[in-house]
Protein backbone atom coordinates (compact mmCIF):
# COMPACT_ATOMS: atom_id res chain seq x y z
CA MET A 1 1.27 -4.52 -13.34
CA LEU A 2 1.06 -4.76 -9.58
CA ASP A 3 4.36 -5.34 -7.78
CA LEU A 4 3.58 -6.75 -4.33
CA LYS A 5 6.04 -5.58 -1.68
CA GLY A 6 6.69 -7.01 1.75
CA HIS A 7 5.69 -10.36 3.22
CA ASP A 8 2.21 -9.80 4.68
CA ARG A 9 0.23 -12.99 3.91
CA ARG A 10 -3.04 -11.01 4.02
CA LEU A 11 -1.97 -8.91 1.04
CA PRO A 12 -3.08 -11.28 -1.77
CA ASP A 13 -6.64 -11.60 -0.42
CA ARG A 14 -6.91 -7.84 -0.01
CA VAL A 15 -5.61 -7.15 -3.51
CA LEU A 16 -7.85 -9.85 -5.02
CA GLY A 17 -10.84 -8.29 -3.25
CA ALA A 18 -10.00 -4.85 -4.60
CA LEU A 19 -9.55 -6.22 -8.12
CA GLU A 20 -12.90 -8.03 -7.95
CA THR A 21 -14.63 -4.89 -6.68
CA GLY A 22 -13.07 -2.85 -9.49
CA GLY A 23 -13.90 -5.45 -12.13
CA THR A 24 -10.29 -5.82 -13.23
CA LEU A 25 -9.42 -9.24 -11.80
CA GLY A 26 -8.91 -11.01 -15.13
CA ARG A 27 -6.86 -8.22 -16.67
CA VAL A 28 -3.85 -7.81 -14.42
CA THR A 29 -0.22 -8.88 -14.08
CA VAL A 30 1.08 -9.41 -10.55
CA CYS A 31 4.71 -9.80 -9.55
CA SER A 32 6.67 -10.18 -6.32
CA GLN A 33 9.98 -11.40 -4.97
CA ASP A 34 8.00 -13.15 -2.23
CA TRP A 35 6.69 -15.95 -4.44
CA ALA A 36 4.30 -17.25 -1.79
CA LEU A 37 2.28 -14.05 -2.27
CA LEU A 38 1.78 -15.01 -5.92
CA GLU A 39 0.17 -18.42 -5.29
CA PRO A 40 -3.42 -17.14 -4.80
CA PHE A 41 -3.16 -15.15 -8.05
CA ALA A 42 -1.98 -18.17 -10.03
CA ARG A 43 -5.35 -19.81 -9.39
CA GLN A 44 -7.26 -16.88 -10.92
CA PRO A 45 -8.22 -17.08 -14.62
CA GLY A 46 -6.71 -14.34 -16.72
CA VAL A 47 -4.18 -13.18 -14.11
CA ARG A 48 -0.56 -13.27 -15.29
CA VAL A 49 1.87 -14.12 -12.49
CA VAL A 50 5.45 -12.87 -12.80
CA HIS A 51 8.15 -14.13 -10.44
CA SER A 52 10.55 -11.30 -9.61
CA VAL A 53 14.23 -12.19 -9.13
CA GLY A 54 16.69 -9.91 -7.37
CA ASN A 55 19.88 -11.98 -7.30
CA ALA A 56 21.59 -15.03 -8.80
CA ARG A 57 20.61 -17.29 -5.90
CA GLN A 58 16.92 -16.50 -6.39
CA LEU A 59 17.25 -17.17 -10.11
CA GLU A 60 18.74 -20.60 -9.45
CA ARG A 61 16.02 -21.38 -6.92
CA LEU A 62 13.36 -20.35 -9.41
CA ARG A 63 14.95 -22.49 -12.10
CA ARG A 64 14.97 -25.57 -9.83
CA ARG A 65 11.38 -25.11 -8.59
CA HIS A 66 9.72 -24.04 -11.83
CA ALA A 67 11.52 -25.72 -14.70
CA SER A 68 8.59 -24.89 -16.96
CA GLY A 69 5.16 -23.37 -16.78
CA LEU A 70 6.08 -19.83 -15.78
CA ALA A 71 4.08 -17.02 -17.34
CA GLY A 72 6.91 -14.57 -16.77
CA ILE A 73 9.93 -13.53 -14.79
CA SER A 74 11.27 -10.10 -13.96
CA ILE A 75 15.00 -9.94 -13.32
CA HIS A 76 16.99 -7.17 -11.64
CA ARG A 77 19.68 -5.95 -14.04
CA ARG A 78 22.69 -6.44 -11.82
CA ARG A 79 25.98 -7.48 -13.33
CA SER A 80 25.58 -11.06 -12.02
CA LEU A 81 22.13 -11.21 -13.61
CA ALA A 82 23.06 -9.77 -16.99
CA TRP A 83 20.81 -11.23 -19.67
CA ARG A 84 23.73 -12.98 -21.37
CA ASN A 85 24.50 -14.86 -18.13
CA VAL A 86 20.86 -15.79 -17.62
CA ILE A 87 20.47 -17.06 -21.18
CA ALA A 88 23.82 -18.90 -21.05
CA ALA A 89 22.50 -20.78 -18.01
CA GLY A 90 19.65 -22.08 -20.16
CA TYR A 91 17.00 -19.86 -18.68
CA PRO A 92 14.22 -18.77 -19.07
CA PRO A 93 12.05 -21.60 -20.37
CA ARG A 94 10.54 -21.31 -23.85
CA GLY A 95 7.34 -19.26 -23.87
CA CYS A 96 8.16 -17.39 -20.67
CA ARG A 97 7.87 -13.60 -20.96
CA CYS A 98 10.85 -11.78 -19.43
CA SER A 99 11.53 -8.22 -18.36
CA GLY A 100 14.37 -6.45 -16.59
CA TRP A 101 14.32 -3.77 -13.95
CA ARG A 102 16.85 -1.62 -12.17
CA ALA A 103 16.37 0.10 -8.84
CA PRO A 104 17.51 3.72 -8.81
CA THR A 105 20.98 4.16 -7.37
CA ARG A 106 20.13 7.56 -5.93
CA TRP A 107 16.74 8.96 -4.99
CA ALA A 108 16.03 12.52 -6.05
CA SER A 109 14.88 14.79 -3.27
CA PRO A 110 11.52 16.53 -3.79
C-alpha cells in the first residue's frame, strides 16, 4: 500500500511512472487524505484506491460524494471516528473494504 502524503499534483504521475517502470502498476493499493491525488489511480486497471479519512467532517464529505462505488476507506481511530459511530451512521457502503489506523502519540528518539 502506498500512502500519498502532501498535496503536490505532480505526485500521481510520478508514482504511476515508477509503478509502470517497476512492472507493479496493476498490483498496488494507493491511499491519501488528498482525494484529488487518487483520481489518476482510479482510472488504472487493477489499482485499488482507498480514501483516507482523518476526522468526522471528512467522513461525512466522503459519504455525500461517494455514496457507493468505493473500493476502500481507511479511517483514523479517533474517538469521534470509532467504528461503532461510523457503522451507526450507515457507513461504509456494502462491499467497501475498511481499515483503521492510528498515528503514534509520541515518536521514539533514535
